[in-house]
Amino acid sequence: MLADTHTQRVLDLASQKGLLRASDLVTIDAPRVVLTRLTAAGQLERVGRGLYRLPDAHGSEHEGLVTIATKVPQAVFCLLTALQFHELTTQLPRQVWIAMPRGSHAPRIDFPPIKMVQFTGEGYTAGVEEVVRDGAKLRVYGVAKTVVDCFKHRNKIGLDVALEALKDARAHRRASMDDLWHFAKICRVANVMRPYLESIG
């Protein structure tokens, strides 16, 4: 009878969280073998290494982001992925871009493909917004910080992308000049951005 209790608890947790990590079972005091049993019985679906969900839980457009946020809670979605999240680019990045603190190892995730960029100090901690999608907490840089990051990493993503993001953010009033200057100073790209900010200011 105990096994049935574990089964129900695991299924309840999966429906509540959307994506279940093997390590989440500690919180409900259930053995990991339950995951294997439920997967074999078709009551759970394995979506990645140590990640499970209910078979009828169809992922949304944010499924890839939710997978990464669940497995790598310290990751912050940045650059092209943050632009796409804020609907500030026409590009569809092939990889999910994440920022991690300097010295981090790239997370081992089978899918989706990720591109990790190491940020330091305030460059990593400033401008992070937390949003909930599909029951998971996503950490993503806000619009102004994302635009500034695009200038900082223009050699990785292209200056044209950074300029497009800046124009869109200003045209749709998604980022104030003060916010852009604030993050430009934190990320040490104020001199790089000055002519562009002055030309649209």
C-alpha atoms as a PDB file:
ATOM      1  CA  MET A   1       0.000   0.000   0.000  1.00  0.00           C
ATOM      2  CA  LEU A   2       2.957   2.279   0.732  1.00  0.00           C
ATOM      3  CA  ALA A   3       4.015   2.111  -2.936  1.00  0.00           C
ATOM      4  CA  ASP A   4       0.574   3.418  -3.967  1.00  0.00           C
ATOM      5  CA  THR A   5       0.951   6.383  -1.621  1.00  0.00           C
ATOM      6  CA  HIS A   6       4.351   7.188  -3.173  1.00  0.00           C
ATOM      7  CA  THR A   7       2.909   6.837  -6.660  1.00  0.00           C
ATOM      8  CA  GLN A   8       0.070   9.253  -5.928  1.00  0.00           C
ATOM      9  CA  ARG A   9       2.405  11.749  -4.263  1.00  0.00           C
ATOM     10  CA  VAL A  10       4.797  11.694  -7.211  1.00  0.00           C
ATOM     11  CA  LEU A  11       1.980  12.124  -9.738  1.00  0.00           C
ATOM     12  CA  ASP A  12       0.491  14.981  -7.692  1.00  0.00           C
ATOM     13  CA  LEU A  13       3.864  16.704  -7.546  1.00  0.00           C
ATOM     14  CA  ALA A  14       4.374  16.241 -11.292  1.00  0.00           C
ATOM     15  CA  SER A  15       0.996  17.806 -12.054  1.00  0.00           C
ATOM     16  CA  GLN A  16       1.729  20.686  -9.683  1.00  0.00           C
ATOM     17  CA  LYS A  17       5.261  21.415 -10.950  1.00  0.00           C
ATOM     18  CA  GLY A  18       4.913  20.559 -14.624  1.00  0.00           C
ATOM     19  CA  LEU A  19       8.482  19.282 -14.827  1.00  0.00           C
ATOM     20  CA  LEU A  20       9.715  16.992 -12.099  1.00  0.00           C
ATOM     21  CA  ARG A  21      13.374  16.538 -11.206  1.00  0.00           C
ATOM     22  CA  ALA A  22      14.496  13.262  -9.666  1.00  0.00           C
ATOM     23  CA  SER A  23      15.846  15.330  -6.750  1.00  0.00           C
ATOM     24  CA  ASP A  24      12.338  16.734  -6.078  1.00  0.00           C
ATOM     25  CA  LEU A  25      11.342  13.356  -4.640  1.00  0.00           C
ATOM     26  CA  VAL A  26      13.294  14.138  -1.481  1.00  0.00           C
ATOM     27  CA  THR A  27      10.673  16.747  -0.545  1.00  0.00           C
ATOM     28  CA  ILE A  28       7.882  14.160  -0.575  1.00  0.00           C
ATOM     29  CA  ASP A  29      10.001  11.372   0.870  1.00  0.00           C
ATOM     30  CA  ALA A  30       9.527   9.029  -2.101  1.00  0.00           C
ATOM     31  CA  PRO A  31      12.222   6.675  -3.443  1.00  0.00           C
ATOM     32  CA  ARG A  32      13.549   7.362  -6.963  1.00  0.00           C
ATOM     33  CA  VAL A  33      12.575   3.863  -8.070  1.00  0.00           C
ATOM     34  CA  VAL A  34       8.988   5.190  -8.241  1.00  0.00           C
ATOM     35  CA  LEU A  35      10.038   7.313 -11.244  1.00  0.00           C
ATOM     36  CA  THR A  36      11.330   4.232 -13.071  1.00  0.00           C
ATOM     37  CA  ARG A  37       8.121   2.319 -12.306  1.00  0.00           C
ATOM     38  CA  LEU A  38       5.840   5.163 -13.369  1.00  0.00           C
ATOM     39  CA  THR A  39       7.821   5.726 -16.579  1.00  0.00           C
ATOM     40  CA  ALA A  40       7.653   2.004 -17.431  1.00  0.00           C
ATOM     41  CA  ALA A  41       3.896   2.067 -16.769  1.00  0.00           C
ATOM     42  CA  GLY A  42       3.469   5.085 -19.069  1.00  0.00           C
ATOM     43  CA  GLN A  43       2.222   7.318 -16.244  1.00  0.00           C
ATOM     44  CA  LEU A  44       5.274   9.566 -16.508  1.00  0.00           C
ATOM     45  CA  GLU A  45       7.397  10.566 -19.472  1.00  0.00           C
ATOM     46  CA  ARG A  46      11.156  11.072 -19.277  1.00  0.00           C
ATOM     47  CA  VAL A  47      11.990  14.292 -21.126  1.00  0.00           C
ATOM     48  CA  GLY A  48      15.691  14.534 -20.312  1.00  0.00           C
ATOM     49  CA  ARG A  49      18.335  13.309 -17.918  1.00  0.00           C
ATOM     50  CA  GLY A  50      16.594  13.245 -14.513  1.00  0.00           C
ATOM     51  CA  LEU A  51      13.549  15.179 -15.817  1.00  0.00           C
ATOM     52  CA  TYR A  52      10.006  13.811 -15.964  1.00  0.00           C
ATOM     53  CA  ARG A  53       6.494  15.079 -16.715  1.00  0.00           C
ATOM     54  CA  LEU A  54       2.979  13.735 -17.097  1.00  0.00           C
ATOM     55  CA  PRO A  55       2.449  12.301 -20.606  1.00  0.00           C
ATOM     56  CA  ASP A  56      -0.457  14.645 -21.365  1.00  0.00           C
ATOM     57  CA  ALA A  57       1.460  17.739 -20.247  1.00  0.00           C
ATOM     58  CA  HIS A  58       2.104  19.229 -23.659  1.00  0.00           C
ATOM     59  CA  GLY A  59       4.898  21.735 -23.519  1.00  0.00           C
ATOM     60  CA  SER A  60       4.272  25.335 -24.447  1.00  0.00           C
ATOM     61  CA  GLU A  61       6.551  27.577 -26.502  1.00  0.00           C
ATOM     62  CA  HIS A  62       8.577  28.006 -23.302  1.00  0.00           C
ATOM     63  CA  GLU A  63       9.169  24.283 -22.848  1.00  0.00           C
ATOM     64  CA  GLY A  64      12.899  24.476 -23.578  1.00  0.00           C
ATOM     65  CA  LEU A  65      13.348  27.378 -21.160  1.00  0.00           C
ATOM     66  CA  VAL A  66      11.380  25.544 -18.473  1.00  0.00           C
ATOM     67  CA  THR A  67      13.585  22.454 -18.916  1.00  0.00           C
ATOM     68  CA  ILE A  68      16.752  24.527 -18.457  1.00  0.00           C
ATOM     69  CA  ALA A  69      15.373  26.591 -15.544  1.00  0.00           C
ATOM     70  CA  THR A  70      14.371  23.384 -13.766  1.00  0.00           C
ATOM     71  CA  LYS A  71      17.762  21.732 -14.225  1.00  0.00           C
ATOM     72  CA  VAL A  72      19.970  24.825 -13.860  1.00  0.00           C
ATOM     73  CA  PRO A  73      18.237  27.226 -11.445  1.00  0.00           C
ATOM     74  CA  GLN A  74      21.146  29.717 -11.461  1.00  0.00           C
ATOM     75  CA  ALA A  75      20.961  30.174 -15.254  1.00  0.00           C
ATOM     76  CA  VAL A  76      19.674  33.547 -16.467  1.00  0.00           C
ATOM     77  CA  PHE A  77      18.283  33.689 -20.003  1.00  0.00           C
ATOM     78  CA  CYS A  78      20.204  36.329 -21.919  1.00  0.00           C
ATOM     79  CA  LEU A  79      21.099  37.823 -25.296  1.00  0.00           C
ATOM     80  CA  LEU A  80      19.170  36.277 -28.248  1.00  0.00           C
ATOM     81  CA  THR A  81      16.975  34.135 -25.998  1.00  0.00           C
ATOM     82  CA  ALA A  82      16.051  37.129 -23.812  1.00  0.00           C
ATOM     83  CA  LEU A  83      15.362  39.214 -26.947  1.00  0.00           C
ATOM     84  CA  GLN A  84      13.060  36.485 -28.236  1.00  0.00           C
ATOM     85  CA  PHE A  85      11.375  36.214 -24.830  1.00  0.00           C
ATOM     86  CA  HIS A  86      10.693  39.978 -24.810  1.00  0.00           C
ATOM     87  CA  GLU A  87       9.605  39.813 -28.497  1.00  0.00           C
ATOM     88  CA  LEU A  88      12.356  42.214 -29.556  1.00  0.00           C
ATOM     89  CA  THR A  89      13.849  40.226 -32.397  1.00  0.00           C
ATOM     90  CA  THR A  90      12.761  38.563 -35.592  1.00  0.00           C
ATOM     91  CA  GLN A  91      15.530  35.985 -35.189  1.00  0.00           C
ATOM     92  CA  LEU A  92      14.859  32.503 -33.881  1.00  0.00           C
ATOM     93  CA  PRO A  93      18.006  31.437 -32.056  1.00  0.00           C
ATOM     94  CA  ARG A  94      19.062  27.826 -32.669  1.00  0.00           C
ATOM     95  CA  GLN A  95      20.384  27.597 -29.118  1.00  0.00           C
ATOM     96  CA  VAL A  96      19.113  28.810 -25.781  1.00  0.00           C
ATOM     97  CA  TRP A  97      21.478  31.506 -24.497  1.00  0.00           C
ATOM     98  CA  ILE A  98      22.131  31.467 -20.757  1.00  0.00           C
ATOM     99  CA  ALA A  99      24.318  33.575 -18.499  1.00  0.00           C
ATOM    100  CA  MET A 100      26.182  31.843 -15.683  1.00  0.00           C
ATOM    101  CA  PRO A 101      28.590  33.226 -13.079  1.00  0.00           C
ATOM    102  CA  ARG A 102      32.264  33.224 -14.151  1.00  0.00           C
ATOM    103  CA  GLY A 103      33.931  29.888 -13.458  1.00  0.00           C
ATOM    104  CA  SER A 104      30.740  27.860 -14.009  1.00  0.00           C
ATOM    105  CA  HIS A 105      30.854  24.640 -15.979  1.00  0.00           C
ATOM    106  CA  ALA A 106      28.497  24.304 -18.910  1.00  0.00           C
ATOM    107  CA  PRO A 107      25.436  22.345 -17.732  1.00  0.00           C
ATOM    108  CA  ARG A 108      25.000  18.900 -19.254  1.00  0.00           C
ATOM    109  CA  ILE A 109      21.619  18.979 -20.944  1.00  0.00           C
ATOM    110  CA  ASP A 110      20.641  16.760 -23.874  1.00  0.00           C
ATOM    111  CA  PHE A 111      17.967  19.118 -25.167  1.00  0.00           C
ATOM    112  CA  PRO A 112      17.506  21.974 -25.962  1.00  0.00           C
ATOM    113  CA  PRO A 113      21.031  22.976 -27.134  1.00  0.00           C
ATOM    114  CA  ILE A 114      22.455  25.731 -24.970  1.00  0.00           C
ATOM    115  CA  LYS A 115      25.024  28.457 -25.439  1.00  0.00           C
ATOM    116  CA  MET A 116      26.553  29.552 -22.147  1.00  0.00           C
ATOM    117  CA  VAL A 117      28.116  32.972 -21.628  1.00  0.00           C
ATOM    118  CA  GLN A 118      29.972  33.745 -18.393  1.00  0.00           C
ATOM    119  CA  PHE A 119      29.061  37.047 -16.745  1.00  0.00           C
ATOM    120  CA  THR A 120      30.832  38.565 -13.746  1.00  0.00           C
ATOM    121  CA  GLY A 121      29.711  40.458 -10.651  1.00  0.00           C
ATOM    122  CA  GLU A 122      26.921  42.952 -11.202  1.00  0.00           C
ATOM    123  CA  GLY A 123      26.955  42.113 -14.900  1.00  0.00           C
ATOM    124  CA  TYR A 124      25.472  38.759 -13.843  1.00  0.00           C
ATOM    125  CA  THR A 125      23.252  39.816 -10.918  1.00  0.00           C
ATOM    126  CA  ALA A 126      21.800  43.144 -12.159  1.00  0.00           C
ATOM    127  CA  GLY A 127      18.577  43.390 -14.140  1.00  0.00           C
ATOM    128  CA  VAL A 128      17.310  39.849 -13.513  1.00  0.00           C
ATOM    129  CA  GLU A 129      13.539  39.439 -13.687  1.00  0.00           C
ATOM    130  CA  GLU A 130      11.729  36.354 -12.443  1.00  0.00           C
ATOM    131  CA  VAL A 131       8.701  35.187 -14.388  1.00  0.00           C
ATOM    132  CA  VAL A 132       6.630  32.050 -13.970  1.00  0.00           C
ATOM    133  CA  ARG A 133       5.827  30.007 -17.075  1.00  0.00           C
ATOM    134  CA  ASP A 134       4.285  26.528 -17.019  1.00  0.00           C
ATOM    135  CA  GLY A 135       4.729  26.384 -13.242  1.00  0.00           C
ATOM    136  CA  ALA A 136       8.486  27.015 -13.392  1.00  0.00           C
ATOM    137  CA  LYS A 137      10.380  30.113 -12.322  1.00  0.00           C
ATOM    138  CA  LEU A 138      12.390  31.542 -15.223  1.00  0.00           C
ATOM    139  CA  ARG A 139      15.164  34.058 -14.610  1.00  0.00           C
ATOM    140  CA  VAL A 140      15.566  36.370 -17.581  1.00  0.00           C
ATOM    141  CA  TYR A 141      17.280  39.741 -17.985  1.00  0.00           C
ATOM    142  CA  GLY A 142      14.888  42.667 -18.405  1.00  0.00           C
ATOM    143  CA  VAL A 143      14.677  44.603 -21.678  1.00  0.00           C
ATOM    144  CA  ALA A 144      17.202  47.379 -20.868  1.00  0.00           C
ATOM    145  CA  LYS A 145      19.811  44.949 -19.510  1.00  0.00           C
ATOM    146  CA  THR A 146      19.329  42.616 -22.486  1.00  0.00           C
ATOM    147  CA  VAL A 147      19.860  45.445 -24.986  1.00  0.00           C
ATOM    148  CA  VAL A 148      23.047  46.506 -23.173  1.00  0.00           C
ATOM    149  CA  ASP A 149      24.272  42.892 -23.041  1.00  0.00           C
ATOM    150  CA  CYS A 150      23.832  42.716 -26.825  1.00  0.00           C
ATOM    151  CA  PHE A 151      26.277  45.625 -27.204  1.00  0.00           C
ATOM    152  CA  LYS A 152      28.667  44.070 -24.688  1.00  0.00           C
ATOM    153  CA  HIS A 153      28.651  40.773 -26.613  1.00  0.00           C
ATOM    154  CA  ARG A 154      28.260  42.270 -30.102  1.00  0.00           C
ATOM    155  CA  ASN A 155      31.211  40.185 -31.351  1.00  0.00           C
ATOM    156  CA  LYS A 156      29.203  37.028 -30.522  1.00  0.00           C
ATOM    157  CA  ILE A 157      25.792  38.036 -31.885  1.00  0.00           C
ATOM    158  CA  GLY A 158      26.525  40.884 -34.291  1.00  0.00           C
ATOM    159  CA  LEU A 159      26.242  44.663 -33.950  1.00  0.00           C
ATOM    160  CA  ASP A 160      23.210  44.663 -36.296  1.00  0.00           C
ATOM    161  CA  VAL A 161      21.281  42.553 -33.768  1.00  0.00           C
ATOM    162  CA  ALA A 162      22.213  44.926 -30.934  1.00  0.00           C
ATOM    163  CA  LEU A 163      21.123  47.968 -32.962  1.00  0.00           C
ATOM    164  CA  GLU A 164      17.832  46.352 -33.976  1.00  0.00           C
ATOM    165  CA  ALA A 165      17.142  45.515 -30.310  1.00  0.00           C
ATOM    166  CA  LEU A 166      17.946  49.068 -29.204  1.00  0.00           C
ATOM    167  CA  LYS A 167      15.689  50.633 -31.859  1.00  0.00           C
ATOM    168  CA  ASP A 168      12.807  48.265 -31.092  1.00  0.00           C
ATOM    169  CA  ALA A 169      13.096  48.740 -27.336  1.00  0.00           C
ATOM    170  CA  ARG A 170      13.014  52.531 -27.732  1.00  0.00           C
ATOM    171  CA  ALA A 171      10.304  52.575 -30.430  1.00  0.00           C
ATOM    172  CA  HIS A 172       7.973  50.485 -28.263  1.00  0.00           C
ATOM    173  CA  ARG A 173       8.968  52.343 -25.069  1.00  0.00           C
ATOM    174  CA  ARG A 174      10.175  49.098 -23.474  1.00  0.00           C
ATOM    175  CA  ALA A 175      13.340  50.641 -21.999  1.00  0.00           C
ATOM    176  CA  SER A 176      14.004  54.164 -20.758  1.00  0.00           C
ATOM    177  CA  MET A 177      17.197  56.063 -21.570  1.00  0.00           C
ATOM    178  CA  ASP A 178      17.993  56.152 -17.832  1.00  0.00           C
ATOM    179  CA  ASP A 179      17.772  52.368 -17.560  1.00  0.00           C
ATOM    180  CA  LEU A 180      19.907  51.875 -20.648  1.00  0.00           C
ATOM    181  CA  TRP A 181      22.597  54.242 -19.299  1.00  0.00           C
ATOM    182  CA  HIS A 182      22.426  52.569 -15.891  1.00  0.00           C
ATOM    183  CA  PHE A 183      23.148  49.098 -17.301  1.00  0.00           C
ATOM    184  CA  ALA A 184      25.630  50.452 -19.868  1.00  0.00           C
ATOM    185  CA  LYS A 185      27.738  51.710 -16.941  1.00  0.00           C
ATOM    186  CA  ILE A 186      27.425  48.441 -15.004  1.00  0.00           C
ATOM    187  CA  CYS A 187      28.461  46.436 -18.087  1.00  0.00           C
ATOM    188  CA  ARG A 188      31.174  48.971 -18.987  1.00  0.00           C
ATOM    189  CA  VAL A 189      29.895  49.688 -22.487  1.00  0.00           C
ATOM    190  CA  ALA A 190      28.747  53.304 -21.956  1.00  0.00           C
ATOM    191  CA  ASN A 191      31.368  54.609 -24.418  1.00  0.00           C
ATOM    192  CA  VAL A 192      30.433  52.022 -27.038  1.00  0.00           C
ATOM    193  CA  MET A 193      26.721  52.803 -26.716  1.00  0.00           C
ATOM    194  CA  ARG A 194      26.950  56.585 -26.353  1.00  0.00           C
ATOM    195  CA  PRO A 195      26.795  57.492 -30.081  1.00  0.00           C
ATOM    196  CA  TYR A 196      23.861  55.136 -30.672  1.00  0.00           C
ATOM    197  CA  LEU A 197      21.968  56.355 -27.623  1.00  0.00           C
ATOM    198  CA  GLU A 198      22.577  59.977 -28.573  1.00  0.00           C
ATOM    199  CA  SER A 199      21.414  59.395 -32.137  1.00  0.00           C
ATOM    200  CA  ILE A 200      18.053  57.953 -31.030  1.00  0.00           C
ATOM    201  CA  GLY A 201      17.722  59.986 -27.821  1.00  0.00           C
END
